[in-house]
Structures are given as C-alpha cells and as structure tokens.
C-alpha cells in the first residue's frame, strides 16, 4: 500500500504597514477590511496546508480615530486565528528638505526585525516548509539570503502588495517564487461587516469608513 506523503506546511508573514499603504494608494476604503487568513489561503497549493498567519503591525497613539479603527481590525484578525505581533512608534526628529528645517515625526520601530526573527525562529523549529512574505521592503533581503543559505530545503515566496512590484524587484530576484497581490485578489478576501469569534460572539464590526468606495 502506498503511503500518502504529508502535506507541506506554509507560514505567511504579513508586513502590516507595507500592505496597508499599498492598499491605501488604491483609493478604495473597502479594500482595507481584508481578511489576512483568507488572503493567506489564496496562496496555498493543493499539496500544502496553511500552518500560521503572522501579522506584524504597530498601533499609533496620536490619532484616536485611526487608533480605534486599527484596534477593531486587529480584533477581527485575531477572531480568524491570525497571530498579531505588535511593535511601536517612536517620535524622532528628521530634516525636512522641502521646509529646510528639522521636523518631529513618528516612525514605526522593530517591525522589520520582528519579521526576520520570527521567520528565522520558525525555520529553526521546522515550523514551515514554505514561507510567504507579504512585503516589498528591501530590509528583508538579509533575511531571505540567510534562509536560502542556512535552510536550503525551505522555500520562500514573495507576495508583493499591489503597486509595489517595482520596489520589490531586488527582493523578488532572490526568492523561489513571486505571487502578485492583485486588486481582484484583495476584493475576494474582504471580511463580513460583523466578525464573530469561534464562540459565536461579536469580535469586531467594520468601521464605517471601510464601507466606503
């Protein structure tokens, strides 16, 4: 009797702000209410099984409306079984060339490192056979090189957010496979207006803004 080989495990790692800003540039607020687990499933092949979806983000503190929408979104993702890894923002001073002066601004910190550490730890533990990176950030080039060198049996797929393929050209040249995140793919992954958890309780209700085109 022939043995059926076990399915390959897939982990998906989502650079939250890289994906968010790409979707924001599409000028359709409805696309922001995206189910990251459904998006992850859309990448999985018949011989594979989705193991983990990890969403890396940071919640801003200086805009209460945006903060509130982001927290609602995080609750929705958790209700669908997405692992949420939060970093933070820090206030820094940078030179503003248009104004020719130094300006205070907020920058997201630790997310790039958190993604790299998570992927490397998961690779070491044998937690995936294929890792899918949802990002166009060239800061992940050292990560991809490390995985390719130290874990030759692991496969890496790049899923660049819409409109970011150009930015991800070098990163995409290093991976085994590239999968486009099209507007159509995003539309097929939109969450319902009301999201329930596994106990049937309301976990999140779509913010009004995310229902507008």
Foldseek 3Di string as FASTA:
>chain_A
DDDDDAAFEEEEEEAAVQQVVLVVVVVALLLNQFAQVLLVVVPDDPSHDYQAYEYEEEQDDPDVVSNVQVVLSVLLNVLVPHHYDYFYKDWDWDQDVVVRGIDIDIDTPDRLVVRLVVVVVCVVVVVGQEYEYAHQDPSCQVSLVCCCVVPVRHFYEYEYHPPRCVSNVVVRVRGPYYDYDDPVSSVVGRDDQFGAHPVRHTRHGNDPSNVGD
